[in-house]
Amino acid sequence: MLEHVVVAWTGSARARAALEWARRRPTTRAIRLLRVLPDDDGGHDVAAGARLALEAEVDRLHEVRPDLEVASSVVHGDVEAALLGAAAPGALLALGVGGAAALRLPHRSALLAAIAREAVGPVALVPVHGGDPHGPVIAGVDGTAAGVAAAQVAATEAAATGTSLVAVHVHPRGPIDGWPGGSLDAAARDITAHLPHLLVRQRIVRGDVRAELRSAATGASLLVIGRHRSPGPGSELEHDAVAGMACPVLLVRAEDARWSAPAAASGAAVAPAG
C-alpha cells in the first residue's frame, strides 16, 4: 500500500489539487510537501517565503486530518532532478496537472511528462478538475508484470474507498488468436483471493488502447495503469494524463505490486461490467 505521498508544491491550483487528492485518499498515512526552487530563483527572501507558506499548509493539514504525519521541505536545484529523487520506490509522488497552465506553459507539461516517464517510483497525475470520488477505480490490465501491479494497486485503492473495481483489458483490432481475456481472468482471481469482499467487474474491449482507457476514465475516481519503459500506448497516456484526463491517473511499475493483507478464501463477486 502506497501510504507515503510526496506532493510537488508550488502554491498553484494544480499543486493544491494534488494535495487535496492525497489528503482525501484513505490509504495516505504521511504527506511531505516538497517545494523545489531553481538556484537562480530569488535567493533568501524567496526561500523564506516558501517555507512560511509550507508551514501554513502543514498547520492546515493537521487541522483537517490529525492522523496524518505531515512534513515539508524547500530544496534548491534542478526541478526535474529533485522530483525524480523524491519519486522513490515505496513513496508516491503526486503531481498536479491540467488546467489552463497546461496550455500556457507547454514546457511545464513536458517536464511533468518526463518525470512521470522516468521516475523509479509510482506517480499520481492529478487534474485540477475531474474525477468522481464515488466512481469506480479502473485498472488497465495487459498481461505484463506492470499490468498485474496496476490491478493489485487499483484493487487496494478501491477496497479502501469502499467503491468497486473495473478491470479493463483492451484488445487491439485485428485477428484474435485464442481467448484475449486470460490475463483479466487471472488478475480477477488474484484480487478476489486477497480482497474477497471487493466487487470486481471485468471488461474486454477491442480498439485503440489509448482511446479506450481515456474513455474508461470518464466517471471514474481513479485510473491505474502499469508503466512500461518501451514506447507505446502507456507512454502516450502519460502525455494525456499530464494534459489532464477525466480522473487522476496512477502510474505504477511491476515492483509496486504489494499486498497488505494475507490471502483469503475466494468469495468476492466478479461480474461483467455494463
Protein backbone atom coordinates (compact mmCIF):
# COMPACT_ATOMS: atom_id res chain seq x y z
CA MET A 1 0.00 0.00 0.00
CA LEU A 2 1.42 3.36 -1.03
CA GLU A 3 0.97 5.19 2.28
CA HIS A 4 3.66 7.86 1.95
CA VAL A 5 2.92 10.65 -0.55
CA VAL A 6 5.26 13.40 -1.71
CA VAL A 7 3.35 16.34 -3.17
CA ALA A 8 5.19 18.65 -5.55
CA TRP A 9 4.18 22.04 -4.16
CA THR A 10 4.15 25.39 -5.96
CA GLY A 11 1.11 27.03 -4.41
CA SER A 12 -0.77 26.78 -7.71
CA ALA A 13 -4.25 25.37 -8.28
CA ARG A 14 -2.65 22.27 -9.78
CA ALA A 15 -0.46 21.68 -6.73
CA ARG A 16 -3.45 22.19 -4.43
CA ALA A 17 -5.47 19.62 -6.42
CA ALA A 18 -2.68 17.09 -5.89
CA LEU A 19 -2.51 17.88 -2.19
CA GLU A 20 -6.27 17.59 -1.69
CA TRP A 21 -6.32 14.27 -3.54
CA ALA A 22 -3.56 12.93 -1.30
CA ARG A 23 -5.30 14.25 1.81
CA ARG A 24 -8.66 12.68 0.96
CA ARG A 25 -7.14 9.34 -0.04
CA PRO A 26 -7.87 6.87 2.80
CA THR A 27 -4.64 4.95 2.25
CA THR A 28 -2.45 8.04 2.78
CA ARG A 29 -0.69 7.95 6.15
CA ALA A 30 2.03 10.55 5.60
CA ILE A 31 2.45 13.58 3.31
CA ARG A 32 5.58 15.54 2.54
CA LEU A 33 5.18 18.86 0.78
CA LEU A 34 8.20 19.46 -1.44
CA ARG A 35 8.97 22.89 -2.90
CA VAL A 36 11.82 22.99 -5.40
CA LEU A 37 13.37 26.38 -6.13
CA PRO A 38 15.80 26.82 -9.00
CA ASP A 39 19.20 28.08 -7.89
CA ASP A 40 18.57 31.44 -9.54
CA ASP A 41 15.06 31.94 -8.10
CA GLY A 42 15.21 34.97 -5.84
CA GLY A 43 17.61 33.98 -3.11
CA HIS A 44 16.98 34.01 0.65
CA ASP A 45 13.75 36.04 0.66
CA VAL A 46 12.01 33.71 -1.80
CA ALA A 47 13.12 30.65 0.15
CA ALA A 48 11.93 32.16 3.43
CA GLY A 49 8.55 32.98 1.91
CA ALA A 50 8.26 29.45 0.54
CA ARG A 51 8.96 27.98 3.97
CA LEU A 52 6.32 30.16 5.61
CA ALA A 53 3.75 29.13 3.00
CA LEU A 54 4.58 25.46 3.54
CA GLU A 55 4.28 25.82 7.31
CA ALA A 56 0.79 27.27 6.85
CA GLU A 57 -0.21 24.30 4.70
CA VAL A 58 1.20 21.86 7.25
CA ASP A 59 -0.86 23.52 10.01
CA ARG A 60 -3.99 23.32 7.85
CA LEU A 61 -3.44 19.63 7.13
CA HIS A 62 -3.01 18.88 10.82
CA GLU A 63 -6.36 20.55 11.48
CA VAL A 64 -8.35 18.67 8.84
CA ARG A 65 -6.57 15.30 9.22
CA PRO A 66 -4.91 15.00 12.63
CA ASP A 67 -3.99 11.37 11.90
CA LEU A 68 -1.60 12.34 9.10
CA GLU A 69 2.14 12.61 9.50
CA VAL A 70 2.96 15.87 7.69
CA ALA A 71 6.33 17.33 6.81
CA SER A 72 7.63 19.94 4.40
CA SER A 73 10.90 20.89 2.79
CA VAL A 74 12.32 23.52 0.47
CA VAL A 75 15.23 22.50 -1.72
CA HIS A 76 17.28 24.37 -4.31
CA GLY A 77 18.38 22.89 -7.60
CA ASP A 78 17.11 21.36 -10.81
CA VAL A 79 13.34 20.77 -10.58
CA GLU A 80 13.30 17.57 -12.63
CA ALA A 81 16.21 16.02 -10.73
CA ALA A 82 14.71 16.93 -7.34
CA LEU A 83 11.28 15.49 -8.16
CA LEU A 84 12.78 12.35 -9.68
CA GLY A 85 14.76 11.92 -6.48
CA ALA A 86 11.55 12.21 -4.47
CA ALA A 87 9.82 9.54 -6.56
CA ALA A 88 11.48 6.69 -4.69
CA PRO A 89 10.19 3.11 -4.50
CA GLY A 90 7.63 2.85 -1.72
CA ALA A 91 6.71 6.54 -1.92
CA LEU A 92 4.06 8.03 -4.18
CA LEU A 93 4.85 11.28 -5.99
CA ALA A 94 1.70 13.36 -6.61
CA LEU A 95 1.82 15.96 -9.38
CA GLY A 96 -0.96 18.42 -10.19
CA VAL A 97 -1.69 18.59 -13.92
CA GLY A 98 -4.09 20.05 -16.46
CA GLY A 99 -5.92 23.33 -16.21
CA ALA A 100 -5.17 26.49 -18.14
CA ALA A 101 -1.49 26.23 -17.22
CA ALA A 102 -1.16 23.11 -19.38
CA LEU A 103 -1.85 25.28 -22.42
CA ARG A 104 0.05 28.39 -21.29
CA LEU A 105 3.15 26.53 -20.11
CA PRO A 106 3.87 23.64 -22.51
CA HIS A 107 7.43 23.34 -21.17
CA ARG A 108 5.96 22.64 -17.72
CA SER A 109 3.77 19.87 -19.14
CA ALA A 110 6.79 18.39 -20.94
CA LEU A 111 8.69 18.41 -17.65
CA LEU A 112 5.90 16.59 -15.81
CA ALA A 113 5.63 14.01 -18.60
CA ALA A 114 9.37 13.37 -18.38
CA ILE A 115 9.14 12.90 -14.61
CA ALA A 116 6.19 10.50 -14.99
CA ARG A 117 8.14 8.52 -17.59
CA GLU A 118 11.49 8.34 -15.79
CA ALA A 119 10.51 8.08 -12.11
CA VAL A 120 11.64 4.91 -10.35
CA GLY A 121 8.61 5.00 -8.05
CA PRO A 122 4.84 5.36 -8.56
CA VAL A 123 3.47 8.69 -9.79
CA ALA A 124 -0.04 10.13 -9.49
CA LEU A 125 -1.10 12.75 -12.06
CA VAL A 126 -4.00 14.67 -10.54
CA PRO A 127 -6.05 17.03 -12.75
CA VAL A 128 -7.27 20.36 -11.45
CA HIS A 129 -10.82 19.35 -12.33
CA GLY A 130 -12.01 15.81 -12.84
CA GLY A 131 -12.75 12.53 -11.19
CA ASP A 132 -15.88 11.33 -9.44
CA PRO A 133 -14.89 10.46 -5.85
CA HIS A 134 -17.76 7.97 -5.77
CA GLY A 135 -16.91 6.39 -9.11
CA PRO A 136 -15.19 3.03 -9.57
CA VAL A 137 -11.45 2.54 -9.72
CA ILE A 138 -10.29 1.45 -13.18
CA ALA A 139 -7.31 -0.84 -13.73
CA GLY A 140 -5.71 -1.29 -17.13
CA VAL A 141 -4.72 -4.96 -17.33
CA ASP A 142 -2.46 -6.08 -20.17
CA GLY A 143 -0.85 -9.32 -19.01
CA THR A 144 2.52 -7.75 -18.17
CA ALA A 145 4.07 -7.62 -14.71
CA ALA A 146 3.31 -3.88 -14.62
CA GLY A 147 -0.31 -4.66 -15.54
CA VAL A 148 -0.53 -7.14 -12.65
CA ALA A 149 0.80 -4.44 -10.32
CA ALA A 150 -1.78 -1.99 -11.67
CA ALA A 151 -4.59 -4.44 -10.92
CA GLN A 152 -3.35 -5.08 -7.37
CA VAL A 153 -2.81 -1.41 -6.54
CA ALA A 154 -6.18 -0.47 -8.05
CA ALA A 155 -7.90 -3.18 -6.01
CA THR A 156 -6.29 -1.92 -2.80
CA GLU A 157 -7.38 1.65 -3.55
CA ALA A 158 -10.94 0.55 -4.38
CA ALA A 159 -11.24 -1.52 -1.21
CA ALA A 160 -10.01 1.39 0.92
CA THR A 161 -12.51 3.83 -0.59
CA GLY A 162 -15.44 1.42 -0.49
CA THR A 163 -16.03 1.50 -4.22
CA SER A 164 -15.83 -1.16 -6.92
CA LEU A 165 -13.03 -2.13 -9.29
CA VAL A 166 -13.35 -2.36 -13.06
CA ALA A 167 -10.51 -4.32 -14.62
CA VAL A 168 -10.23 -3.40 -18.30
CA HIS A 169 -8.34 -5.29 -20.98
CA VAL A 170 -8.10 -3.59 -24.37
CA HIS A 171 -7.52 -5.95 -27.26
CA PRO A 172 -6.18 -4.26 -30.41
CA ARG A 173 -8.29 -4.54 -33.50
CA GLY A 174 -7.38 -7.41 -35.79
CA PRO A 175 -7.44 -11.20 -35.72
CA ILE A 176 -7.89 -12.81 -32.31
CA ASP A 177 -5.58 -15.73 -31.54
CA GLY A 178 -7.21 -17.51 -28.62
CA TRP A 179 -9.09 -16.04 -25.66
CA PRO A 180 -7.90 -12.44 -25.11
CA GLY A 181 -9.17 -12.25 -21.55
CA GLY A 182 -6.80 -14.72 -19.93
CA SER A 183 -4.78 -12.03 -18.16
CA LEU A 184 -8.01 -10.43 -16.99
CA ASP A 185 -9.32 -13.69 -15.53
CA ALA A 186 -6.01 -14.30 -13.75
CA ALA A 187 -6.00 -10.79 -12.30
CA ALA A 188 -9.58 -11.17 -11.05
CA ARG A 189 -8.79 -14.48 -9.35
CA ASP A 190 -5.72 -12.99 -7.70
CA ILE A 191 -7.66 -9.96 -6.46
CA THR A 192 -10.60 -11.92 -5.08
CA ALA A 193 -8.24 -14.26 -3.22
CA HIS A 194 -6.83 -11.28 -1.33
CA LEU A 195 -9.87 -8.98 -1.15
CA PRO A 196 -12.91 -11.29 -1.08
CA HIS A 197 -15.44 -8.54 -0.34
CA LEU A 198 -14.42 -6.28 -3.23
CA LEU A 199 -16.78 -6.16 -6.20
CA VAL A 200 -14.67 -6.75 -9.30
CA ARG A 201 -16.07 -6.16 -12.78
CA GLN A 202 -14.25 -7.39 -15.87
CA ARG A 203 -14.42 -5.62 -19.18
CA ILE A 204 -12.85 -6.58 -22.51
CA VAL A 205 -12.98 -4.07 -25.35
CA ARG A 206 -11.48 -4.01 -28.81
CA GLY A 207 -9.94 -0.83 -30.10
CA ASP A 208 -7.14 1.63 -29.53
CA VAL A 209 -5.63 1.18 -26.06
CA ARG A 210 -5.04 4.87 -25.54
CA ALA A 211 -8.53 5.90 -26.62
CA GLU A 212 -10.33 3.15 -24.71
CA LEU A 213 -8.56 3.87 -21.41
CA ARG A 214 -9.25 7.59 -21.80
CA SER A 215 -12.91 6.68 -22.27
CA ALA A 216 -12.88 4.36 -19.26
CA ALA A 217 -11.59 7.21 -17.08
CA THR A 218 -14.83 9.15 -17.54
CA GLY A 219 -16.88 8.85 -14.36
CA ALA A 220 -14.09 7.01 -12.52
CA SER A 221 -12.43 8.04 -9.27
CA LEU A 222 -9.02 6.76 -10.35
CA LEU A 223 -7.31 5.08 -13.31
CA VAL A 224 -4.34 2.84 -12.52
CA ILE A 225 -2.06 1.69 -15.32
CA GLY A 226 1.27 -0.07 -15.46
CA ARG A 227 4.23 1.96 -16.62
CA HIS A 228 6.47 0.47 -19.29
CA ARG A 229 9.92 1.60 -20.30
CA SER A 230 9.33 0.97 -24.00
CA PRO A 231 7.32 3.44 -26.14
CA GLY A 232 3.67 2.59 -26.68
CA PRO A 233 0.14 3.38 -25.51
CA GLY A 234 1.27 3.58 -21.88
CA SER A 235 3.83 6.28 -22.57
CA GLU A 236 1.32 8.13 -24.75
CA LEU A 237 -1.20 8.02 -21.90
CA GLU A 238 1.35 9.74 -19.70
CA HIS A 239 1.16 12.75 -22.00
CA ASP A 240 -2.65 12.57 -21.99
CA ALA A 241 -2.67 12.45 -18.19
CA VAL A 242 -0.34 15.45 -17.93
CA ALA A 243 -2.74 17.43 -20.12
CA GLY A 244 -5.49 16.42 -17.70
CA MET A 245 -7.71 13.36 -18.07
CA ALA A 246 -11.19 12.83 -16.63
CA CYS A 247 -9.80 11.45 -13.35
CA PRO A 248 -6.49 11.10 -11.53
CA VAL A 249 -4.08 8.63 -13.13
CA LEU A 250 -1.78 6.46 -11.02
CA LEU A 251 1.25 5.05 -12.86
CA VAL A 252 2.87 2.03 -11.23
CA ARG A 253 5.75 -0.30 -12.01
CA ALA A 254 5.94 -4.06 -11.64
CA GLU A 255 7.86 -3.52 -8.39
CA ASP A 256 4.86 -1.72 -6.86
CA ALA A 257 2.81 -4.94 -6.69
CA ARG A 258 2.34 -5.46 -2.96
CA TRP A 259 -0.49 -6.88 -0.90
CA SER A 260 -1.16 -5.54 2.57
CA ALA A 261 -3.37 -8.43 3.70
CA PRO A 262 -2.89 -12.22 3.67
CA ALA A 263 -4.74 -14.20 1.04
CA ALA A 264 -8.26 -15.26 1.95
CA ALA A 265 -10.69 -17.75 0.51
CA SER A 266 -12.22 -16.57 -2.71
CA GLY A 267 -15.75 -15.28 -2.26
CA ALA A 268 -15.91 -11.90 -3.91
CA ALA A 269 -18.44 -11.06 -6.52
CA VAL A 270 -16.94 -10.97 -10.02
CA ALA A 271 -19.28 -9.52 -12.59
CA PRO A 272 -19.06 -8.29 -16.16
CA ALA A 273 -19.01 -4.53 -16.45
CA GLY A 274 -22.02 -2.99 -18.01
